[in-house]
C-alpha cells in the first residue's frame, strides 16, 4: 500500500502518494466512429442507436468523435495533460467481427498503433476488453443471458492479449457489468433493449463467469508481471432514515447492485439474500458447478466508477431514470416494489445527478474494510455540464473543476483513512456519444464540436494538468 504524505507538497494543498496513477478514460463506441470500416461489424449499440426512439435526437456512434482517424491528435492531448495512464476500450466487433474465430488484422492494427503512440508519449495503456459493445451476431444467438457468450469472451480476451500483451501491462475484463446486465436486459434503456428480468440475472452471472474465464485466458498469454482487473460501478448507498425498513431497502439494492458482482468475484459465492429476493424470478439453476470458483479468479486491483450516491427508503415510487432519457421497467430485479429512491439534496450536474463527494469516501472506506488486500483505482469519476465555447473559443467550466476538486479531496481523505487507492482517472478525455443521451451531455475535459470535430481543451483540462504536475490539489 502506498504511504500518504499528509504534509502539503510544494505549492499544493493535498499531496498524493508517490507513484499515484493519474489518468483519463474513454470507451470505444463513444469515441471511435468508423463504424463500418475495415471489417468492423455492428455491435448491439449500433443496432440500438439506429432503432428509432432509443437514443435522444436519433444520435448514433457512426462517427462519434472520429477517434479512429484522429487518434494521433488525441494522444497529443493526453500528452499535454501529462497523464501517466490512459484507459480505453477495445471494440469487440472491430477485432473479432462475428464474435468467434480469428481476429481481423485491421482492427488489431489500429489498437497496436494506439498503444505504440501511447508508449512513445510515456503513457501507460490500460485496456478494457468490454465496454458494452457486444457483436450483434452474438446477441442474435442469445447475448449475455447465454452461457456461450462467456466462453466466446474468453476466446476474444486471448486474441487481444496475444496481439497486445507484449506492450500492454494493465488489463481490465469488464466495465460496469451492472449497467450492461440490468439496463440492457431488465429496464431496456441500454442496448440490447430487452426487458426480461430473468435474462438480466442470467446476464449478470455470465458476466461474472466471463470475467473468470477471461482472466484465465489473459494470464495464459500475458507475462506474470501483467495486471488483470475488473471495473464495477458500485452504488454508494444510504438509507433515508435509520429505520429497519429503510435499512432493509439498502440491503436489497446492495444485493442486486453491488454484491451480485462482489460476492462471486471476491468470495466465490452468490449472496443468499439475493437468491431469496429473486426467487419469484428465477431458481438460479443456470449456475453450474464450478462457475463460482471460476468467477473468483484473483485480480490485481479493482476499478471503481463513482458519480453520485443513492438514497433509498422502504416503499414504492417512481424509479430513477438511470441510463437514459426514457424510463423503462425497473432494473432493480428483486428489489422493485419494495424500495423507493429518494433524490439526494444539493447541487446537481447536467445528468441531474447530485454532487456529493462524501459518497466516494464512504464507498472507498467500505471496500477498505470488506476487501482487505485488494488495491483500488478510481477508473471513472466526472461530471456533465452544459459547456459552450465563449469569446475567443475558450471553454470555461468552473463547475466541473469544483466537482473534480471535491472528489479528489475525498480520495485523499480515504487514503489517509487507510484505503489502498492507487490512482484516479477522470471521465472523460473528450465530450462524446453519451449512450442513450446521444450528444446532449458533455463529460469531457476537452470540448468537441460535433459538427467540425474540433477539439478544444476546457479550463478543467488545464486545471487537471496542473494537479498532475503538482502531484496533488492546489490549496
Protein backbone atom coordinates (compact mmCIF):
# COMPACT_ATOMS: atom_id res chain seq x y z
CA UNK A 1 0.00 0.00 0.00
CA UNK A 2 1.36 3.45 -0.88
CA UNK A 3 2.25 5.70 2.01
CA UNK A 4 0.47 9.02 2.04
CA UNK A 5 2.47 12.11 2.82
CA UNK A 6 -0.20 14.20 4.50
CA UNK A 7 2.01 17.27 4.63
CA UNK A 8 1.37 19.73 1.80
CA UNK A 9 3.57 19.36 -1.25
CA UNK A 10 5.28 22.40 -2.65
CA UNK A 11 2.53 24.83 -3.59
CA UNK A 12 -0.06 22.06 -3.15
CA UNK A 13 -2.84 21.78 -0.63
CA UNK A 14 -3.09 17.97 -0.67
CA UNK A 15 -0.24 15.75 -1.82
CA UNK A 16 -0.92 12.27 -3.20
CA UNK A 17 1.43 9.28 -2.78
CA UNK A 18 4.49 8.94 -4.99
CA UNK A 19 3.62 6.77 -7.97
CA UNK A 20 -0.08 7.65 -7.84
CA UNK A 21 -1.58 6.96 -11.28
CA UNK A 22 -3.23 9.97 -12.93
CA UNK A 23 -5.33 9.28 -16.00
CA UNK A 24 -8.40 9.73 -18.11
CA UNK A 25 -10.79 7.20 -19.62
CA UNK A 26 -12.83 6.67 -22.79
CA UNK A 27 -14.87 3.88 -24.43
CA UNK A 28 -14.64 2.63 -28.00
CA UNK A 29 -18.23 3.11 -29.15
CA UNK A 30 -18.39 6.56 -27.61
CA UNK A 31 -15.39 7.98 -29.48
CA UNK A 32 -14.10 5.82 -32.32
CA UNK A 33 -16.61 6.18 -35.17
CA UNK A 34 -15.57 4.33 -38.35
CA UNK A 35 -18.45 2.00 -37.53
CA UNK A 36 -18.36 0.02 -40.79
CA UNK A 37 -14.71 0.45 -41.75
CA UNK A 38 -12.08 -2.24 -42.24
CA UNK A 39 -14.33 -5.16 -41.45
CA UNK A 40 -15.97 -3.88 -38.27
CA UNK A 41 -19.47 -5.30 -37.94
CA UNK A 42 -22.42 -3.93 -35.94
CA UNK A 43 -22.43 -4.14 -32.17
CA UNK A 44 -25.57 -4.12 -30.06
CA UNK A 45 -25.08 -0.37 -29.64
CA UNK A 46 -25.03 0.17 -33.41
CA UNK A 47 -28.32 -1.69 -33.66
CA UNK A 48 -29.83 0.04 -30.62
CA UNK A 49 -28.84 3.55 -31.65
CA UNK A 50 -30.24 3.01 -35.14
CA UNK A 51 -33.60 1.93 -33.68
CA UNK A 52 -35.99 4.91 -33.69
CA UNK A 53 -36.78 6.30 -30.26
CA UNK A 54 -33.96 4.60 -28.40
CA UNK A 55 -31.40 7.44 -28.33
CA UNK A 56 -32.12 11.11 -27.77
CA UNK A 57 -32.21 13.03 -31.03
CA UNK A 58 -31.73 9.87 -33.07
CA UNK A 59 -27.98 10.14 -32.48
CA UNK A 60 -25.66 7.22 -33.26
CA UNK A 61 -22.00 6.40 -32.77
CA UNK A 62 -21.36 6.10 -36.51
CA UNK A 63 -18.89 8.98 -36.38
CA UNK A 64 -18.74 9.81 -32.65
CA UNK A 65 -15.56 11.93 -32.23
CA UNK A 66 -13.81 10.12 -35.12
CA UNK A 67 -11.04 8.96 -32.80
CA UNK A 68 -10.30 6.17 -35.29
CA UNK A 69 -8.89 8.76 -37.70
CA UNK A 70 -7.82 11.38 -35.12
CA UNK A 71 -6.03 9.06 -32.74
CA UNK A 72 -2.68 10.86 -33.04
CA UNK A 73 -4.31 14.19 -32.18
CA UNK A 74 -5.99 12.65 -29.14
CA UNK A 75 -2.78 11.08 -27.88
CA UNK A 76 -1.16 14.51 -28.19
CA UNK A 77 -3.95 15.88 -25.98
CA UNK A 78 -3.19 13.20 -23.40
CA UNK A 79 0.49 14.09 -23.51
CA UNK A 80 -0.35 17.75 -22.92
CA UNK A 81 -2.36 16.76 -19.85
CA UNK A 82 0.65 14.91 -18.51
CA UNK A 83 -1.30 11.78 -17.57
CA UNK A 84 0.58 8.65 -16.55
CA UNK A 85 -2.24 6.33 -17.73
CA UNK A 86 -4.93 6.20 -20.39
CA UNK A 87 -7.82 3.78 -20.02
CA UNK A 88 -9.54 2.89 -23.30
CA UNK A 89 -11.66 0.01 -24.50
CA UNK A 90 -11.25 -2.35 -27.42
CA UNK A 91 -14.27 -2.71 -29.71
CA UNK A 92 -15.01 -6.44 -29.84
CA UNK A 93 -16.64 -6.27 -33.32
CA UNK A 94 -13.63 -4.40 -34.67
CA UNK A 95 -11.17 -7.16 -33.80
CA UNK A 96 -13.44 -10.23 -33.96
CA UNK A 97 -16.35 -9.18 -36.17
CA UNK A 98 -18.56 -12.26 -35.67
CA UNK A 99 -17.65 -12.75 -32.02
CA UNK A 100 -15.89 -16.01 -32.83
CA UNK A 101 -12.99 -17.27 -34.88
CA UNK A 102 -9.82 -15.47 -35.96
CA UNK A 103 -9.11 -11.81 -35.33
CA UNK A 104 -9.45 -9.15 -38.02
CA UNK A 105 -5.98 -7.78 -38.63
CA UNK A 106 -7.02 -4.18 -39.47
CA UNK A 107 -8.80 -3.89 -36.13
CA UNK A 108 -5.87 -5.20 -34.14
CA UNK A 109 -3.52 -2.98 -36.12
CA UNK A 110 -5.47 0.10 -35.05
CA UNK A 111 -5.01 -0.79 -31.39
CA UNK A 112 -1.35 -1.63 -31.98
CA UNK A 113 -0.86 1.87 -33.40
CA UNK A 114 -2.72 3.43 -30.46
CA UNK A 115 -0.67 1.52 -27.90
CA UNK A 116 2.59 2.35 -29.65
CA UNK A 117 1.67 6.04 -29.75
CA UNK A 118 0.86 6.00 -26.04
CA UNK A 119 4.10 4.27 -25.13
CA UNK A 120 6.07 6.71 -27.25
CA UNK A 121 4.40 9.53 -25.29
CA UNK A 122 5.31 7.86 -21.98
CA UNK A 123 1.71 6.94 -21.17
CA UNK A 124 0.71 3.54 -19.74
CA UNK A 125 -2.12 1.90 -21.76
CA UNK A 126 -4.90 0.43 -19.62
CA UNK A 127 -7.01 -1.81 -21.86
CA UNK A 128 -10.66 -2.54 -21.09
CA UNK A 129 -11.79 -5.54 -23.12
CA UNK A 130 -15.53 -4.94 -22.88
CA UNK A 131 -17.31 -1.60 -22.58
CA UNK A 132 -20.77 -2.73 -23.71
CA UNK A 133 -20.28 -3.27 -27.48
CA UNK A 134 -21.17 -6.96 -27.89
CA UNK A 135 -21.03 -8.11 -31.54
CA UNK A 136 -24.62 -8.17 -32.78
CA UNK A 137 -24.15 -11.70 -34.08
CA UNK A 138 -23.62 -12.95 -30.52
CA UNK A 139 -26.71 -11.08 -29.33
CA UNK A 140 -28.68 -12.71 -32.12
CA UNK A 141 -27.63 -16.08 -30.69
CA UNK A 142 -28.89 -15.08 -27.22
CA UNK A 143 -26.45 -12.49 -25.89
CA UNK A 144 -25.20 -12.37 -22.31
CA UNK A 145 -28.08 -14.47 -20.90
CA UNK A 146 -26.50 -17.34 -22.88
CA UNK A 147 -23.56 -19.21 -21.32
CA UNK A 148 -21.83 -19.48 -24.69
CA UNK A 149 -21.23 -15.71 -24.71
CA UNK A 150 -18.98 -16.05 -21.65
CA UNK A 151 -16.98 -18.71 -23.48
CA UNK A 152 -16.71 -16.52 -26.58
CA UNK A 153 -15.46 -13.64 -24.42
CA UNK A 154 -12.61 -15.76 -23.10
CA UNK A 155 -11.58 -16.57 -26.66
CA UNK A 156 -11.71 -12.89 -27.58
CA UNK A 157 -9.65 -11.93 -24.50
CA UNK A 158 -6.96 -14.36 -25.54
CA UNK A 159 -6.86 -12.95 -29.07
CA UNK A 160 -6.39 -9.36 -27.90
CA UNK A 161 -3.83 -10.33 -25.28
CA UNK A 162 -1.90 -12.28 -27.89
CA UNK A 163 -1.73 -9.20 -30.09
CA UNK A 164 -1.03 -6.52 -27.46
CA UNK A 165 0.35 -8.40 -24.47
CA UNK A 166 3.96 -7.64 -25.35
CA UNK A 167 3.33 -3.92 -24.84
CA UNK A 168 0.25 -3.60 -22.58
CA UNK A 169 0.80 -4.41 -18.91
CA UNK A 170 -2.59 -3.36 -17.46
CA UNK A 171 -5.86 -5.11 -18.41
CA UNK A 172 -9.49 -4.88 -17.36
CA UNK A 173 -12.03 -7.52 -18.34
CA UNK A 174 -15.32 -5.61 -17.97
CA UNK A 175 -16.57 -2.10 -17.42
CA UNK A 176 -19.73 -1.77 -15.34
CA UNK A 177 -21.35 -5.16 -15.90
CA UNK A 178 -24.28 -3.95 -13.76
CA UNK A 179 -25.27 -1.45 -16.45
CA UNK A 180 -24.80 -3.96 -19.25
CA UNK A 181 -26.90 -6.59 -17.47
CA UNK A 182 -29.67 -4.60 -15.84
CA UNK A 183 -30.04 -1.54 -18.07
CA UNK A 184 -29.59 -3.75 -21.14
CA UNK A 185 -31.76 -6.74 -20.23
CA UNK A 186 -34.15 -5.60 -17.44
CA UNK A 187 -35.07 -1.93 -17.99
CA UNK A 188 -34.14 -1.92 -21.68
CA UNK A 189 -32.86 1.67 -21.68
CA UNK A 190 -29.44 0.46 -22.91
CA UNK A 191 -28.55 -1.96 -25.67
CA UNK A 192 -29.82 -4.52 -26.50
CA UNK A 193 -33.03 -3.02 -25.12
CA UNK A 194 -34.58 -6.16 -23.67
CA UNK A 195 -36.97 -6.09 -20.69
CA UNK A 196 -36.59 -9.59 -19.26
CA UNK A 197 -35.80 -9.71 -15.52
CA UNK A 198 -34.58 -13.32 -15.51
CA UNK A 199 -32.38 -12.62 -18.52
CA UNK A 200 -30.77 -9.77 -16.58
CA UNK A 201 -29.88 -12.12 -13.72
CA UNK A 202 -28.56 -14.69 -16.18
CA UNK A 203 -26.50 -11.96 -17.87
CA UNK A 204 -25.04 -10.84 -14.53
CA UNK A 205 -23.97 -14.38 -13.74
CA UNK A 206 -22.44 -14.86 -17.16
CA UNK A 207 -20.53 -11.59 -16.81
CA UNK A 208 -19.03 -12.98 -13.60
CA UNK A 209 -18.24 -16.28 -15.29
CA UNK A 210 -16.79 -14.48 -18.33
CA UNK A 211 -14.61 -12.37 -16.06
CA UNK A 212 -13.17 -15.53 -14.54
CA UNK A 213 -12.74 -17.33 -17.86
CA UNK A 214 -11.33 -14.18 -19.46
CA UNK A 215 -8.89 -13.67 -16.59
CA UNK A 216 -7.62 -17.23 -17.05
CA UNK A 217 -7.25 -16.63 -20.80
CA UNK A 218 -5.31 -13.42 -20.17
CA UNK A 219 -2.98 -14.97 -17.63
CA UNK A 220 -2.26 -17.85 -20.01
CA UNK A 221 -0.87 -15.37 -22.56
CA UNK A 222 0.42 -12.37 -20.62
CA UNK A 223 3.70 -12.04 -18.72
CA UNK A 224 3.47 -12.76 -15.00
CA UNK A 225 4.00 -9.05 -14.32
CA UNK A 226 0.81 -8.01 -16.12
CA UNK A 227 -2.12 -6.62 -14.12
CA UNK A 228 -5.63 -8.04 -14.57
CA UNK A 229 -8.59 -6.22 -13.08
CA UNK A 230 -12.35 -5.64 -13.15
CA UNK A 231 -14.21 -2.32 -13.07
CA UNK A 232 -17.55 -2.01 -11.24
CA UNK A 233 -19.95 0.90 -10.81
CA UNK A 234 -20.59 0.21 -7.16
CA UNK A 235 -23.50 2.03 -5.56
CA UNK A 236 -22.77 4.20 -2.54
CA UNK A 237 -25.97 3.53 -0.61
CA UNK A 238 -27.64 5.49 2.18
CA UNK A 239 -30.95 4.86 3.96
CA UNK A 240 -33.33 7.79 4.17
CA UNK A 241 -33.76 7.06 7.89
CA UNK A 242 -32.13 4.56 10.29
CA UNK A 243 -35.38 2.58 10.47
CA UNK A 244 -35.28 -1.18 10.00
CA UNK A 245 -37.45 -0.87 6.89
CA UNK A 246 -35.13 1.67 5.22
CA UNK A 247 -32.06 -0.38 6.15
CA UNK A 248 -33.71 -3.38 4.50
CA UNK A 249 -34.22 -1.26 1.37
CA UNK A 250 -30.46 -0.60 1.37
CA UNK A 251 -29.83 -4.34 1.77
CA UNK A 252 -31.99 -5.17 -1.24
CA UNK A 253 -30.28 -2.64 -3.51
CA UNK A 254 -26.88 -3.63 -2.21
CA UNK A 255 -27.60 -7.26 -3.11
CA UNK A 256 -28.62 -6.63 -6.72
CA UNK A 257 -26.46 -3.54 -7.27
CA UNK A 258 -23.17 -4.44 -5.56
CA UNK A 259 -22.89 -7.88 -4.03
CA UNK A 260 -24.17 -9.66 -7.14
CA UNK A 261 -20.66 -8.98 -8.51
CA UNK A 262 -18.53 -8.53 -5.38
CA UNK A 263 -19.51 -11.82 -3.76
CA UNK A 264 -18.86 -14.15 -6.73
CA UNK A 265 -15.65 -12.40 -7.83
CA UNK A 266 -14.06 -11.93 -4.40
CA UNK A 267 -15.68 -14.68 -2.32
CA UNK A 268 -16.79 -17.34 -4.81
CA UNK A 269 -20.42 -17.26 -3.68
CA UNK A 270 -23.84 -15.87 -4.52
CA UNK A 271 -25.46 -13.56 -1.95
CA UNK A 272 -28.02 -15.71 -0.14
CA UNK A 273 -30.42 -12.80 0.27
CA UNK A 274 -30.25 -12.04 -3.47
CA UNK A 275 -31.24 -15.63 -4.25
CA UNK A 276 -34.09 -15.31 -1.75
CA UNK A 277 -35.23 -11.89 -3.03
CA UNK A 278 -35.34 -13.11 -6.65
CA UNK A 279 -36.96 -16.49 -6.01
CA UNK A 280 -40.08 -15.32 -7.84
CA UNK A 281 -37.99 -14.54 -10.92
CA UNK A 282 -35.60 -17.47 -11.18
CA UNK A 283 -34.35 -20.53 -9.32
CA UNK A 284 -30.74 -19.78 -10.38
CA UNK A 285 -30.43 -23.23 -11.94
CA UNK A 286 -28.29 -21.67 -14.69
CA UNK A 287 -25.43 -21.50 -12.15
CA UNK A 288 -23.43 -24.69 -12.69
CA UNK A 289 -20.92 -26.47 -10.51
CA UNK A 290 -17.56 -24.73 -10.82
CA UNK A 291 -18.96 -21.42 -12.09
CA UNK A 292 -18.41 -19.52 -8.85
CA UNK A 293 -14.91 -20.81 -8.32
CA UNK A 294 -14.11 -19.80 -11.91
CA UNK A 295 -15.57 -16.33 -11.31
CA UNK A 296 -13.33 -15.87 -8.27
CA UNK A 297 -10.12 -15.68 -10.29
CA UNK A 298 -7.81 -13.31 -8.35
CA UNK A 299 -7.47 -9.73 -9.62
CA UNK A 300 -4.57 -7.36 -9.15
CA UNK A 301 -6.82 -4.39 -8.46
CA UNK A 302 -10.47 -3.37 -8.54
CA UNK A 303 -11.62 -0.44 -10.65
CA UNK A 304 -14.24 1.76 -9.00
CA UNK A 305 -16.54 4.03 -11.03
CA UNK A 306 -18.38 6.64 -8.98
CA UNK A 307 -20.52 9.67 -9.84
CA UNK A 308 -23.10 10.15 -7.07
CA UNK A 309 -24.68 8.39 -4.06
CA UNK A 310 -28.02 6.57 -3.96
CA UNK A 311 -30.56 7.28 -1.21
CA UNK A 312 -33.31 4.71 -0.67
CA UNK A 313 -36.27 4.08 1.59
CA UNK A 314 -38.85 1.37 2.03
CA UNK A 315 -41.93 1.62 -0.14
CA UNK A 316 -42.64 2.20 -3.78
CA UNK A 317 -42.27 5.18 -6.05
CA UNK A 318 -41.01 6.30 -9.44
CA UNK A 319 -37.81 4.61 -10.49
CA UNK A 320 -34.80 6.82 -11.23
CA UNK A 321 -34.31 7.14 -14.98
CA UNK A 322 -30.87 5.56 -14.55
CA UNK A 323 -29.48 5.06 -18.02
CA UNK A 324 -31.33 7.24 -20.47
CA UNK A 325 -33.89 9.96 -21.03
CA UNK A 326 -36.77 7.49 -21.45
CA UNK A 327 -37.87 5.45 -18.46
CA UNK A 328 -38.26 1.70 -18.80
CA UNK A 329 -39.22 -1.08 -16.40
CA UNK A 330 -37.27 -1.31 -13.16
CA UNK A 331 -33.68 -2.53 -13.44
CA UNK A 332 -33.72 -3.48 -9.74
CA UNK A 333 -34.75 -7.12 -10.08
CA UNK A 334 -35.83 -8.47 -6.70
CA UNK A 335 -35.98 -5.00 -5.15
CA UNK A 336 -38.65 -3.27 -7.25
CA UNK A 337 -41.90 -2.94 -5.35
CA UNK A 338 -40.01 -2.78 -2.05
CA UNK A 339 -37.71 0.23 -2.48
CA UNK A 340 -38.27 3.91 -3.06
CA UNK A 341 -35.45 6.06 -4.47
CA UNK A 342 -35.14 9.47 -2.83
CA UNK A 343 -33.49 12.44 -4.58
CA UNK A 344 -30.39 13.49 -2.68
CA UNK A 345 -30.18 17.18 -1.76
CA UNK A 346 -27.66 19.67 -3.08
CA UNK A 347 -26.35 20.84 -6.45
CA UNK A 348 -26.78 18.63 -9.50
CA UNK A 349 -24.97 18.01 -12.76
CA UNK A 350 -26.48 18.19 -16.24
CA UNK A 351 -27.34 14.48 -15.80
CA UNK A 352 -29.47 15.53 -12.80
CA UNK A 353 -27.08 13.57 -10.57
CA UNK A 354 -26.34 15.01 -7.12
CA UNK A 355 -22.84 16.32 -6.46
CA UNK A 356 -21.73 14.56 -3.28
CA UNK A 357 -18.08 13.61 -2.88
CA UNK A 358 -18.70 12.13 0.56
CA UNK A 359 -20.30 9.15 -1.18
CA UNK A 360 -16.98 8.32 -2.82
CA UNK A 361 -15.18 8.41 0.52
CA UNK A 362 -17.87 6.18 2.06
CA UNK A 363 -17.53 3.66 -0.77
CA UNK A 364 -13.74 3.52 -0.58
CA UNK A 365 -13.80 3.03 3.19
CA UNK A 366 -16.32 0.21 2.78
CA UNK A 367 -14.06 -1.51 0.26
CA UNK A 368 -11.08 -1.00 2.59
CA UNK A 369 -12.95 -3.00 5.22
CA UNK A 370 -14.60 -5.64 3.02
CA UNK A 371 -11.77 -6.33 0.56
CA UNK A 372 -8.54 -6.07 2.55
CA UNK A 373 -5.50 -6.53 0.38
CA UNK A 374 -7.27 -5.51 -2.86
CA UNK A 375 -5.81 -2.29 -4.33
CA UNK A 376 -8.32 0.19 -5.75
CA UNK A 377 -8.23 2.55 -8.71
CA UNK A 378 -10.87 5.19 -9.38
CA UNK A 379 -11.39 4.28 -13.04
CA UNK A 380 -14.20 6.77 -13.73
CA UNK A 381 -15.24 9.96 -11.98
CA UNK A 382 -16.50 13.13 -13.60
CA UNK A 383 -19.47 15.33 -14.36
CA UNK A 384 -21.52 16.54 -17.31
CA UNK A 385 -22.26 20.23 -17.65
CA UNK A 386 -23.58 22.38 -20.49
CA UNK A 387 -20.17 23.60 -21.68
CA UNK A 388 -20.02 26.07 -24.56
CA UNK A 389 -17.11 27.94 -26.11
CA UNK A 390 -17.10 31.60 -25.16
CA UNK A 391 -15.34 34.59 -26.73
CA UNK A 392 -12.16 33.50 -28.41
CA UNK A 393 -13.25 29.87 -28.30
CA UNK A 394 -12.33 29.45 -24.62
CA UNK A 395 -14.42 26.90 -22.70
CA UNK A 396 -14.88 27.83 -19.05
CA UNK A 397 -16.20 25.00 -16.83
CA UNK A 398 -15.78 26.04 -13.19
CA UNK A 399 -18.48 23.60 -12.04
CA UNK A 400 -16.51 20.65 -13.36
CA UNK A 401 -13.34 21.89 -11.70
CA UNK A 402 -15.23 22.15 -8.42
CA UNK A 403 -16.63 18.65 -8.84
CA UNK A 404 -13.22 17.11 -9.58
CA UNK A 405 -11.52 19.03 -6.76
CA UNK A 406 -14.09 17.83 -4.24
CA UNK A 407 -13.88 14.21 -5.34
CA UNK A 408 -10.09 14.17 -5.39
CA UNK A 409 -10.14 15.59 -1.88
CA UNK A 410 -12.45 12.71 -0.90
CA UNK A 411 -9.99 10.21 -2.41
CA UNK A 412 -7.15 11.83 -0.47
CA UNK A 413 -9.17 11.57 2.74
CA UNK A 414 -9.91 7.89 2.04
CA UNK A 415 -6.19 7.17 1.53
CA UNK A 416 -5.45 8.91 4.84
CA UNK A 417 -8.11 6.65 6.39
CA UNK A 418 -6.35 3.53 5.15
CA UNK A 419 -7.96 2.84 1.75
CA UNK A 420 -5.39 1.49 -0.71
CA UNK A 421 -6.23 3.76 -3.65
CA UNK A 422 -3.54 3.70 -6.34
CA UNK A 423 -4.91 6.07 -9.00
CA UNK A 424 -7.65 8.34 -10.34
CA UNK A 425 -8.97 8.55 -13.91
CA UNK A 426 -11.26 11.38 -15.00
CA UNK A 427 -14.26 10.53 -17.13
CA UNK A 428 -13.73 11.58 -19.80
CA UNK A 429 -10.96 12.83 -22.04
CA UNK A 430 -13.41 14.02 -24.70
CA UNK A 431 -17.02 15.06 -25.00
CA UNK A 432 -18.55 12.05 -26.73
CA UNK A 433 -21.59 9.89 -27.51
CA UNK A 434 -23.23 9.55 -24.11
CA UNK A 435 -25.18 6.35 -24.77
CA UNK A 436 -28.96 6.86 -24.71
CA UNK A 437 -28.44 10.61 -24.22
CA UNK A 438 -26.66 10.87 -27.56
CA UNK A 439 -24.54 14.01 -27.88
CA UNK A 440 -26.60 16.04 -25.41
CA UNK A 441 -24.34 15.53 -22.36
CA UNK A 442 -20.72 16.66 -22.14
CA UNK A 443 -18.33 14.95 -19.70
CA UNK A 444 -15.05 15.80 -21.42
CA UNK A 445 -12.00 17.68 -20.26
CA UNK A 446 -11.78 18.53 -23.95
CA UNK A 447 -14.70 20.14 -25.77
CA UNK A 448 -15.65 18.56 -29.10
CA UNK A 449 -17.59 20.46 -31.74
CA UNK A 450 -19.73 17.61 -33.05
CA UNK A 451 -20.09 19.29 -36.45
CA UNK A 452 -16.43 20.05 -37.17
CA UNK A 453 -14.97 17.60 -34.58
CA UNK A 454 -12.57 20.31 -33.46
CA UNK A 455 -11.05 19.63 -30.04
CA UNK A 456 -10.69 22.48 -27.52
CA UNK A 457 -9.26 21.83 -24.05
CA UNK A 458 -11.50 23.30 -21.37
CA UNK A 459 -10.34 25.14 -18.28
CA UNK A 460 -10.72 21.82 -16.43
CA UNK A 461 -8.09 20.25 -18.69
CA UNK A 462 -5.58 22.90 -17.71
CA UNK A 463 -6.58 22.55 -14.07
CA UNK A 464 -6.13 18.76 -14.17
CA UNK A 465 -2.76 19.09 -15.90
CA UNK A 466 -1.66 21.36 -13.05
CA UNK A 467 -2.87 18.85 -10.45
CA UNK A 468 -0.88 16.10 -12.16
CA UNK A 469 2.23 18.27 -12.37
CA UNK A 470 1.95 19.15 -8.67
CA UNK A 471 1.14 15.61 -7.62
CA UNK A 472 -1.77 16.97 -5.62
CA UNK A 473 -4.50 19.53 -5.22
CA UNK A 474 -3.78 23.23 -5.03
CA UNK A 475 -4.62 24.93 -1.78
